[in-house]
Amino acid sequence: MRARALVAAALAVTQAVSAAAVADLAERADFSALGAALAARAEVKTAQADGTTALHWAAQHDHEPSVAALLAAGAPPDQVNRYGVTPLSLACINGSASVADRLLAAGADPNRATPGGETPLMTAARAGRAPLARALVARGAEPEEAKSWLEKHENNLRAALTEQASAQQR
């Protein structure tokens, strides 16, 4: 009797949770409902209108258990949204080494750049996430392109600071 009730509840959740709703649950950080949807085998590959998936949102919220569950359910680790952002890029913005590690272990590309040319390594460096940057390099991120990018931004920062100092002296 109890087993039937559980099966009926799982079927009800499956029917009630559309594919995009899984991403909506993750966006709202409703991780208990997301877990129930995943237990009911809800579709994890479908994205919201802008291409953002539940995995993007779980990475954005730095919720490693949901990232692990979504990957185990078949969520692609390198899916890009309309803006060319991957879940790994979001993990790097947050400095989440545990989420990034899960994504990399699932096959996320550590060198996949956004349309603006920023790689996950560049994102981690820009966000001041040195341990994560080291972990990305250890997982195959190419540091040479990031070095030239950082030098360019360092030069821009120095120029801005020099201009500010000159203006204060006047």
N, C-alpha and C. Protein backbone atom coordinates (compact mmCIF):
# COMPACT_ATOMS: atom_id res chain seq x y z
N MET A 1 0.82 -1.19 0.00
CA MET A 1 0.00 0.00 0.00
C MET A 1 0.87 1.27 0.00
N ARG A 2 1.88 1.29 0.89
CA ARG A 2 2.78 2.44 0.97
C ARG A 2 3.54 2.61 -0.34
N ALA A 3 3.97 1.51 -0.94
CA ALA A 3 4.71 1.58 -2.21
C ALA A 3 3.83 2.18 -3.29
N ARG A 4 2.57 1.81 -3.32
CA ARG A 4 1.65 2.37 -4.33
C ARG A 4 1.50 3.87 -4.15
N ALA A 5 1.40 4.30 -2.91
CA ALA A 5 1.25 5.72 -2.63
C ALA A 5 2.49 6.48 -3.08
N LEU A 6 3.66 5.91 -2.85
CA LEU A 6 4.89 6.56 -3.29
C LEU A 6 4.97 6.63 -4.81
N VAL A 7 4.58 5.56 -5.49
CA VAL A 7 4.59 5.55 -6.95
C VAL A 7 3.59 6.58 -7.48
N ALA A 8 2.41 6.63 -6.88
CA ALA A 8 1.40 7.60 -7.32
C ALA A 8 1.89 9.02 -7.11
N ALA A 9 2.55 9.26 -5.97
CA ALA A 9 3.09 10.60 -5.70
C ALA A 9 4.19 10.95 -6.70
N ALA A 10 5.05 10.00 -7.02
CA ALA A 10 6.11 10.24 -7.99
C ALA A 10 5.54 10.54 -9.36
N LEU A 11 4.51 9.82 -9.75
CA LEU A 11 3.88 10.08 -11.05
C LEU A 11 3.23 11.46 -11.07
N ALA A 12 2.62 11.84 -9.98
CA ALA A 12 2.00 13.16 -9.90
C ALA A 12 3.05 14.25 -10.03
N VAL A 13 4.18 14.07 -9.36
CA VAL A 13 5.25 15.07 -9.46
C VAL A 13 5.77 15.12 -10.88
N THR A 14 5.96 13.96 -11.51
CA THR A 14 6.46 13.92 -12.88
C THR A 14 5.53 14.65 -13.82
N GLN A 15 4.24 14.44 -13.66
CA GLN A 15 3.28 15.10 -14.53
C GLN A 15 3.20 16.59 -14.26
N ALA A 16 3.37 16.97 -13.00
CA ALA A 16 3.23 18.38 -12.63
C ALA A 16 4.48 19.19 -12.97
N VAL A 17 5.61 18.54 -13.02
CA VAL A 17 6.87 19.25 -13.25
C VAL A 17 7.24 19.16 -14.72
N SER A 18 7.03 20.24 -15.43
CA SER A 18 7.45 20.25 -16.83
C SER A 18 8.95 20.41 -16.89
N ALA A 19 9.49 20.23 -18.06
CA ALA A 19 10.94 20.31 -18.22
C ALA A 19 11.49 21.67 -17.80
N ALA A 20 10.88 22.73 -18.27
CA ALA A 20 11.38 24.06 -17.91
C ALA A 20 11.16 24.34 -16.43
N ALA A 21 10.15 23.70 -15.84
CA ALA A 21 9.88 23.92 -14.42
C ALA A 21 11.04 23.43 -13.56
N VAL A 22 11.79 22.44 -14.01
CA VAL A 22 12.95 21.99 -13.26
C VAL A 22 13.95 23.14 -13.14
N ALA A 23 14.19 23.84 -14.23
CA ALA A 23 15.07 25.00 -14.19
C ALA A 23 14.47 26.10 -13.32
N ASP A 24 13.15 26.25 -13.36
CA ASP A 24 12.49 27.26 -12.53
C ASP A 24 12.69 26.95 -11.04
N LEU A 25 12.59 25.67 -10.68
CA LEU A 25 12.81 25.27 -9.28
C LEU A 25 14.23 25.63 -8.85
N ALA A 26 15.18 25.34 -9.71
CA ALA A 26 16.58 25.67 -9.38
C ALA A 26 16.78 27.17 -9.32
N GLU A 27 16.15 27.91 -10.22
CA GLU A 27 16.28 29.37 -10.20
C GLU A 27 15.79 29.93 -8.86
N ARG A 28 14.68 29.39 -8.37
CA ARG A 28 14.12 29.84 -7.09
C ARG A 28 14.87 29.28 -5.89
N ALA A 29 15.87 28.45 -6.14
CA ALA A 29 16.64 27.79 -5.09
C ALA A 29 15.74 26.92 -4.21
N ASP A 30 14.73 26.33 -4.82
CA ASP A 30 13.84 25.39 -4.13
C ASP A 30 14.43 24.00 -4.30
N PHE A 31 15.50 23.74 -3.56
CA PHE A 31 16.28 22.53 -3.78
C PHE A 31 15.59 21.27 -3.28
N SER A 32 14.70 21.40 -2.32
CA SER A 32 13.96 20.20 -1.90
C SER A 32 12.98 19.78 -3.00
N ALA A 33 12.29 20.74 -3.60
CA ALA A 33 11.39 20.42 -4.71
C ALA A 33 12.19 19.92 -5.92
N LEU A 34 13.35 20.50 -6.14
CA LEU A 34 14.20 20.04 -7.24
C LEU A 34 14.60 18.59 -7.01
N GLY A 35 14.98 18.27 -5.78
CA GLY A 35 15.34 16.89 -5.46
C GLY A 35 14.18 15.94 -5.70
N ALA A 36 12.97 16.36 -5.35
CA ALA A 36 11.79 15.52 -5.57
C ALA A 36 11.55 15.34 -7.07
N ALA A 37 11.73 16.40 -7.84
CA ALA A 37 11.55 16.31 -9.29
C ALA A 37 12.57 15.37 -9.90
N LEU A 38 13.81 15.45 -9.43
CA LEU A 38 14.85 14.55 -9.94
C LEU A 38 14.57 13.11 -9.54
N ALA A 39 14.07 12.90 -8.34
CA ALA A 39 13.72 11.55 -7.90
C ALA A 39 12.59 10.97 -8.75
N ALA A 40 11.75 11.87 -9.27
CA ALA A 40 10.65 11.44 -10.14
C ALA A 40 11.09 11.39 -11.61
N ARG A 41 12.38 11.54 -11.83
CA ARG A 41 12.98 11.46 -13.17
C ARG A 41 12.52 12.56 -14.12
N ALA A 42 12.42 13.77 -13.60
CA ALA A 42 12.06 14.91 -14.44
C ALA A 42 13.19 15.17 -15.44
N GLU A 43 12.84 15.74 -16.57
CA GLU A 43 13.81 16.06 -17.62
C GLU A 43 14.73 17.17 -17.16
N VAL A 44 16.04 16.97 -17.29
CA VAL A 44 17.01 17.96 -16.80
C VAL A 44 17.72 18.71 -17.92
N LYS A 45 17.50 18.33 -19.15
CA LYS A 45 18.24 18.95 -20.26
C LYS A 45 17.52 20.15 -20.86
N THR A 46 16.25 20.30 -20.60
CA THR A 46 15.49 21.39 -21.19
C THR A 46 15.79 22.69 -20.46
N ALA A 47 15.88 23.76 -21.23
CA ALA A 47 16.26 25.05 -20.68
C ALA A 47 15.09 26.02 -20.67
N GLN A 48 15.28 27.08 -19.93
CA GLN A 48 14.33 28.19 -19.94
C GLN A 48 14.46 28.93 -21.28
N ALA A 49 13.64 29.93 -21.48
CA ALA A 49 13.62 30.65 -22.77
C ALA A 49 14.98 31.20 -23.17
N ASP A 50 15.79 31.59 -22.20
CA ASP A 50 17.10 32.16 -22.51
C ASP A 50 18.21 31.12 -22.54
N GLY A 51 17.83 29.85 -22.47
CA GLY A 51 18.82 28.77 -22.55
C GLY A 51 19.41 28.36 -21.21
N THR A 52 18.98 29.00 -20.14
CA THR A 52 19.50 28.68 -18.82
C THR A 52 18.85 27.39 -18.31
N THR A 53 19.69 26.48 -17.82
CA THR A 53 19.21 25.19 -17.34
C THR A 53 19.23 25.15 -15.81
N ALA A 54 18.67 24.09 -15.29
CA ALA A 54 18.71 23.88 -13.84
C ALA A 54 20.16 23.80 -13.35
N LEU A 55 21.04 23.23 -14.19
CA LEU A 55 22.44 23.13 -13.80
C LEU A 55 23.09 24.51 -13.71
N HIS A 56 22.75 25.41 -14.63
CA HIS A 56 23.23 26.78 -14.54
C HIS A 56 22.83 27.39 -13.19
N TRP A 57 21.55 27.23 -12.85
CA TRP A 57 21.05 27.85 -11.62
C TRP A 57 21.67 27.21 -10.39
N ALA A 58 21.82 25.91 -10.38
CA ALA A 58 22.44 25.25 -9.23
C ALA A 58 23.88 25.74 -9.05
N ALA A 59 24.60 25.91 -10.16
CA ALA A 59 25.97 26.45 -10.09
C ALA A 59 25.94 27.90 -9.62
N GLN A 60 25.01 28.68 -10.14
CA GLN A 60 24.88 30.09 -9.74
C GLN A 60 24.63 30.20 -8.24
N HIS A 61 23.79 29.32 -7.71
CA HIS A 61 23.48 29.33 -6.27
C HIS A 61 24.52 28.61 -5.43
N ASP A 62 25.55 28.08 -6.09
CA ASP A 62 26.64 27.39 -5.39
C ASP A 62 26.10 26.23 -4.56
N HIS A 63 25.15 25.48 -5.15
CA HIS A 63 24.53 24.36 -4.44
C HIS A 63 25.07 23.05 -4.99
N GLU A 64 26.20 22.63 -4.43
CA GLU A 64 26.92 21.46 -4.92
C GLU A 64 26.09 20.18 -4.90
N PRO A 65 25.25 19.93 -3.89
CA PRO A 65 24.44 18.71 -3.94
C PRO A 65 23.50 18.66 -5.14
N SER A 66 22.92 19.80 -5.51
CA SER A 66 22.03 19.83 -6.68
C SER A 66 22.82 19.69 -7.97
N VAL A 67 24.01 20.29 -8.01
CA VAL A 67 24.87 20.13 -9.18
C VAL A 67 25.18 18.65 -9.38
N ALA A 68 25.55 17.98 -8.31
CA ALA A 68 25.87 16.55 -8.39
C ALA A 68 24.65 15.74 -8.84
N ALA A 69 23.49 16.05 -8.29
CA ALA A 69 22.27 15.31 -8.65
C ALA A 69 21.88 15.55 -10.10
N LEU A 70 22.00 16.78 -10.55
CA LEU A 70 21.65 17.11 -11.95
C LEU A 70 22.60 16.42 -12.92
N LEU A 71 23.88 16.42 -12.60
CA LEU A 71 24.85 15.73 -13.46
C LEU A 71 24.57 14.23 -13.49
N ALA A 72 24.25 13.67 -12.34
CA ALA A 72 23.93 12.23 -12.27
C ALA A 72 22.67 11.90 -13.07
N ALA A 73 21.77 12.89 -13.18
CA ALA A 73 20.53 12.69 -13.93
C ALA A 73 20.71 12.95 -15.43
N GLY A 74 21.92 13.32 -15.83
CA GLY A 74 22.19 13.50 -17.26
C GLY A 74 22.27 14.92 -17.76
N ALA A 75 22.32 15.89 -16.87
CA ALA A 75 22.45 17.28 -17.32
C ALA A 75 23.82 17.46 -17.98
N PRO A 76 23.84 18.05 -19.19
CA PRO A 76 25.13 18.27 -19.86
C PRO A 76 25.95 19.36 -19.16
N PRO A 77 27.20 19.09 -18.81
CA PRO A 77 27.99 20.06 -18.04
C PRO A 77 28.42 21.28 -18.83
N ASP A 78 28.38 21.23 -20.15
CA ASP A 78 28.87 22.35 -20.97
C ASP A 78 27.78 23.10 -21.72
N GLN A 79 26.53 22.90 -21.37
CA GLN A 79 25.45 23.58 -22.10
C GLN A 79 25.58 25.09 -21.89
N VAL A 80 25.46 25.84 -22.97
CA VAL A 80 25.55 27.29 -22.88
C VAL A 80 24.14 27.89 -22.93
N ASN A 81 23.99 29.02 -22.27
CA ASN A 81 22.72 29.72 -22.39
C ASN A 81 22.83 30.73 -23.54
N ARG A 82 21.81 31.53 -23.73
CA ARG A 82 21.77 32.48 -24.85
C ARG A 82 22.97 33.43 -24.82
N TYR A 83 23.54 33.63 -23.66
CA TYR A 83 24.64 34.57 -23.50
C TYR A 83 26.01 33.91 -23.60
N GLY A 84 26.01 32.61 -23.89
CA GLY A 84 27.25 31.88 -24.05
C GLY A 84 27.90 31.49 -22.74
N VAL A 85 27.14 31.49 -21.66
CA VAL A 85 27.67 31.20 -20.34
C VAL A 85 27.40 29.73 -19.99
N THR A 86 28.41 29.07 -19.46
CA THR A 86 28.27 27.68 -19.01
C THR A 86 28.14 27.64 -17.49
N PRO A 87 27.68 26.52 -16.97
CA PRO A 87 27.66 26.38 -15.51
C PRO A 87 29.06 26.55 -14.89
N LEU A 88 30.10 26.11 -15.58
CA LEU A 88 31.45 26.26 -15.05
C LEU A 88 31.83 27.74 -14.92
N SER A 89 31.44 28.55 -15.87
CA SER A 89 31.71 30.00 -15.76
C SER A 89 31.06 30.57 -14.52
N LEU A 90 29.83 30.14 -14.24
CA LEU A 90 29.12 30.63 -13.06
C LEU A 90 29.80 30.17 -11.78
N ALA A 91 30.26 28.93 -11.77
CA ALA A 91 30.98 28.43 -10.59
C ALA A 91 32.26 29.24 -10.38
N CYS A 92 32.91 29.65 -11.46
CA CYS A 92 34.15 30.43 -11.34
C CYS A 92 33.87 31.84 -10.84
N ILE A 93 32.76 32.42 -11.23
CA ILE A 93 32.39 33.74 -10.71
C ILE A 93 32.22 33.65 -9.20
N ASN A 94 31.56 32.59 -8.75
CA ASN A 94 31.33 32.39 -7.31
C ASN A 94 32.57 31.93 -6.57
N GLY A 95 33.54 31.44 -7.29
CA GLY A 95 34.73 30.90 -6.64
C GLY A 95 34.47 29.55 -5.99
N SER A 96 33.49 28.84 -6.51
CA SER A 96 33.09 27.57 -5.92
C SER A 96 33.93 26.43 -6.46
N ALA A 97 34.96 26.07 -5.72
CA ALA A 97 35.85 24.99 -6.15
C ALA A 97 35.12 23.66 -6.18
N SER A 98 34.22 23.41 -5.23
CA SER A 98 33.53 22.11 -5.20
C SER A 98 32.59 21.96 -6.38
N VAL A 99 31.87 23.02 -6.74
CA VAL A 99 30.98 22.96 -7.90
C VAL A 99 31.80 22.84 -9.19
N ALA A 100 32.86 23.63 -9.29
CA ALA A 100 33.72 23.56 -10.47
C ALA A 100 34.32 22.17 -10.62
N ASP A 101 34.76 21.59 -9.52
CA ASP A 101 35.35 20.25 -9.56
C ASP A 101 34.34 19.22 -10.06
N ARG A 102 33.10 19.31 -9.59
CA ARG A 102 32.05 18.40 -10.06
C ARG A 102 31.83 18.54 -11.57
N LEU A 103 31.76 19.78 -12.01
CA LEU A 103 31.53 20.04 -13.44
C LEU A 103 32.69 19.55 -14.29
N LEU A 104 33.91 19.81 -13.84
CA LEU A 104 35.09 19.36 -14.58
C LEU A 104 35.16 17.84 -14.62
N ALA A 105 34.84 17.19 -13.51
CA ALA A 105 34.84 15.72 -13.47
C ALA A 105 33.79 15.14 -14.41
N ALA A 106 32.73 15.91 -14.65
CA ALA A 106 31.67 15.45 -15.55
C ALA A 106 31.96 15.78 -17.02
N GLY A 107 33.08 16.46 -17.27
CA GLY A 107 33.48 16.74 -18.64
C GLY A 107 33.37 18.17 -19.09
N ALA A 108 33.12 19.11 -18.19
CA ALA A 108 33.08 20.52 -18.58
C ALA A 108 34.45 20.93 -19.12
N ASP A 109 34.44 21.73 -20.16
CA ASP A 109 35.66 22.17 -20.82
C ASP A 109 36.25 23.37 -20.07
N PRO A 110 37.44 23.24 -19.48
CA PRO A 110 38.02 24.35 -18.74
C PRO A 110 38.51 25.49 -19.63
N ASN A 111 38.49 25.29 -20.94
CA ASN A 111 38.95 26.33 -21.87
C ASN A 111 37.83 26.94 -22.71
N ARG A 112 36.60 26.57 -22.44
CA ARG A 112 35.47 27.09 -23.23
C ARG A 112 35.23 28.54 -22.84
N ALA A 113 35.41 29.42 -23.80
CA ALA A 113 35.29 30.86 -23.55
C ALA A 113 33.87 31.35 -23.82
N THR A 114 33.52 32.43 -23.15
CA THR A 114 32.26 33.11 -23.43
C THR A 114 32.41 33.82 -24.78
N PRO A 115 31.31 34.32 -25.35
CA PRO A 115 31.44 35.06 -26.61
C PRO A 115 32.39 36.25 -26.52
N GLY A 116 32.57 36.80 -25.32
CA GLY A 116 33.51 37.90 -25.12
C GLY A 116 34.95 37.45 -24.98
N GLY A 117 35.18 36.14 -25.01
CA GLY A 117 36.53 35.61 -24.97
C GLY A 117 37.05 35.24 -23.59
N GLU A 118 36.22 35.34 -22.57
CA GLU A 118 36.68 35.05 -21.21
C GLU A 118 36.52 33.56 -20.91
N THR A 119 37.62 32.94 -20.55
CA THR A 119 37.61 31.52 -20.18
C THR A 119 37.30 31.39 -18.68
N PRO A 120 36.96 30.19 -18.22
CA PRO A 120 36.76 30.00 -16.79
C PRO A 120 37.98 30.42 -15.96
N LEU A 121 39.18 30.16 -16.47
CA LEU A 121 40.39 30.56 -15.74
C LEU A 121 40.46 32.08 -15.61
N MET A 122 40.15 32.79 -16.67
CA MET A 122 40.14 34.25 -16.62
C MET A 122 39.10 34.74 -15.63
N THR A 123 37.94 34.10 -15.63
CA THR A 123 36.88 34.49 -14.70
C THR A 123 37.33 34.29 -13.26
N ALA A 124 37.91 33.14 -12.98
CA ALA A 124 38.40 32.87 -11.61
C ALA A 124 39.46 33.88 -11.21
N ALA A 125 40.36 34.20 -12.13
CA ALA A 125 41.42 35.17 -11.82
C ALA A 125 40.83 36.56 -11.60
N ARG A 126 39.90 36.96 -12.45
CA ARG A 126 39.27 38.28 -12.33
C ARG A 126 38.52 38.40 -11.01
N ALA A 127 37.92 37.31 -10.57
CA ALA A 127 37.15 37.30 -9.33
C ALA A 127 38.04 37.12 -8.09
N GLY A 128 39.36 36.99 -8.31
CA GLY A 128 40.28 36.84 -7.20
C GLY A 128 40.23 35.47 -6.54
N ARG A 129 39.94 34.45 -7.32
CA ARG A 129 39.77 33.09 -6.80
C ARG A 129 41.01 32.25 -7.13
N ALA A 130 42.12 32.55 -6.49
CA ALA A 130 43.39 31.89 -6.79
C ALA A 130 43.35 30.37 -6.61
N PRO A 131 42.79 29.83 -5.53
CA PRO A 131 42.75 28.36 -5.42
C PRO A 131 41.97 27.71 -6.55
N LEU A 132 40.88 28.34 -6.96
CA LEU A 132 40.10 27.81 -8.07
C LEU A 132 40.89 27.92 -9.38
N ALA A 133 41.59 29.01 -9.58
CA ALA A 133 42.42 29.18 -10.78
C ALA A 133 43.47 28.07 -10.85
N ARG A 134 44.11 27.77 -9.72
CA ARG A 134 45.10 26.69 -9.70
C ARG A 134 44.45 25.34 -10.02
N ALA A 135 43.25 25.12 -9.50
CA ALA A 135 42.53 23.86 -9.77
C ALA A 135 42.18 23.75 -11.25
N LEU A 136 41.79 24.85 -11.87
CA LEU A 136 41.47 24.84 -13.30
C LEU A 136 42.70 24.50 -14.13
N VAL A 137 43.83 25.09 -13.80
CA VAL A 137 45.07 24.78 -14.52
C VAL A 137 45.41 23.30 -14.35
N ALA A 138 45.23 22.79 -13.15
CA ALA A 138 45.51 21.36 -12.90
C ALA A 138 44.58 20.47 -13.72
N ARG A 139 43.40 20.98 -14.08
CA ARG A 139 42.43 20.20 -14.87
C ARG A 139 42.51 20.51 -16.37
N GLY A 140 43.53 21.24 -16.79
CA GLY A 140 43.74 21.44 -18.22
C GLY A 140 43.47 22.82 -18.77
N ALA A 141 43.15 23.77 -17.92
CA ALA A 141 42.95 25.14 -18.41
C ALA A 141 44.28 25.68 -18.93
N GLU A 142 44.24 26.37 -20.05
CA GLU A 142 45.43 26.92 -20.69
C GLU A 142 45.76 28.28 -20.08
N PRO A 143 46.87 28.41 -19.38
CA PRO A 143 47.18 29.67 -18.72
C PRO A 143 47.74 30.76 -19.63
N GLU A 144 48.29 30.41 -20.78
CA GLU A 144 48.95 31.42 -21.62
C GLU A 144 47.99 32.51 -22.09
N GLU A 145 46.81 32.12 -22.56
CA GLU A 145 45.84 33.12 -23.02
C GLU A 145 45.39 33.98 -21.85
N ALA A 146 45.22 33.37 -20.69
CA ALA A 146 44.81 34.11 -19.50
C ALA A 146 45.89 35.11 -19.08
N LYS A 147 47.16 34.75 -19.24
CA LYS A 147 48.25 35.65 -18.87
C LYS A 147 48.19 36.94 -19.68
N SER A 148 48.02 36.83 -20.98
CA SER A 148 47.98 38.04 -21.81
C SER A 148 46.74 38.87 -21.48
N TRP A 149 45.63 38.21 -21.20
CA TRP A 149 44.40 38.90 -20.82
C TRP A 149 44.60 39.66 -19.51
N LEU A 150 45.24 39.00 -18.53
CA LEU A 150 45.48 39.65 -17.24
C LEU A 150 46.44 40.84 -17.38
N GLU A 151 47.46 40.69 -18.21
CA GLU A 151 48.41 41.78 -18.41
C GLU A 151 47.70 43.00 -19.00
N LYS A 152 46.81 42.75 -19.95
CA LYS A 152 46.07 43.85 -20.56
C LYS A 152 45.22 44.57 -19.51
N HIS A 153 44.54 43.81 -18.68
CA HIS A 153 43.69 44.41 -17.66
C HIS A 153 44.52 45.08 -16.56
N GLU A 154 45.67 44.52 -16.26
CA GLU A 154 46.55 45.13 -15.27
C GLU A 154 47.04 46.48 -15.79
N ASN A 155 47.40 46.53 -17.07
CA ASN A 155 47.85 47.79 -17.67
C ASN A 155 46.73 48.83 -17.66
N ASN A 156 45.49 48.40 -17.95
CA ASN A 156 44.36 49.33 -17.92
C ASN A 156 44.14 49.87 -16.51
N LEU A 157 44.28 49.02 -15.51
CA LEU A 157 44.12 49.43 -14.13
C LEU A 157 45.22 50.42 -13.73
N ARG A 158 46.45 50.11 -14.10
CA ARG A 158 47.56 51.02 -13.77
C ARG A 158 47.34 52.39 -14.40
N ALA A 159 46.89 52.41 -15.66
CA ALA A 159 46.65 53.69 -16.34
C ALA A 159 45.56 54.48 -15.62
N ALA A 160 44.50 53.80 -15.21
CA ALA A 160 43.41 54.48 -14.50
C ALA A 160 43.89 55.03 -13.16
N LEU A 161 44.71 54.26 -12.44
CA LEU A 161 45.22 54.73 -11.16
C LEU A 161 46.17 55.91 -11.33
N THR A 162 46.98 55.88 -12.39
CA THR A 162 47.90 56.99 -12.67
C THR A 162 47.11 58.25 -12.99
N GLU A 163 46.05 58.12 -13.80
CA GLU A 163 45.21 59.28 -14.13
C GLU A 163 44.54 59.83 -12.88
N GLN A 164 44.09 58.95 -12.00
CA GLN A 164 43.45 59.40 -10.78
C GLN A 164 44.44 60.15 -9.89
N ALA A 165 45.64 59.63 -9.76
CA ALA A 165 46.66 60.27 -8.96
C ALA A 165 47.01 61.66 -9.52
N SER A 166 47.12 61.75 -10.84
CA SER A 166 47.42 63.03 -11.48
C SER A 166 46.30 64.05 -11.24
N ALA A 167 45.08 63.58 -11.31
CA ALA A 167 43.94 64.48 -11.10
C ALA A 167 43.89 64.97 -9.66
N GLN A 168 44.26 64.13 -8.71
CA GLN A 168 44.25 64.52 -7.30
C GLN A 168 45.37 65.51 -6.98
N GLN A 169 46.46 65.48 -7.75
CA GLN A 169 47.58 66.39 -7.51
C GLN A 169 47.30 67.79 -8.02
N ARG A 170 46.35 67.91 -8.91
CA ARG A 170 46.06 69.24 -9.50
C ARG A 170 45.36 70.14 -8.55
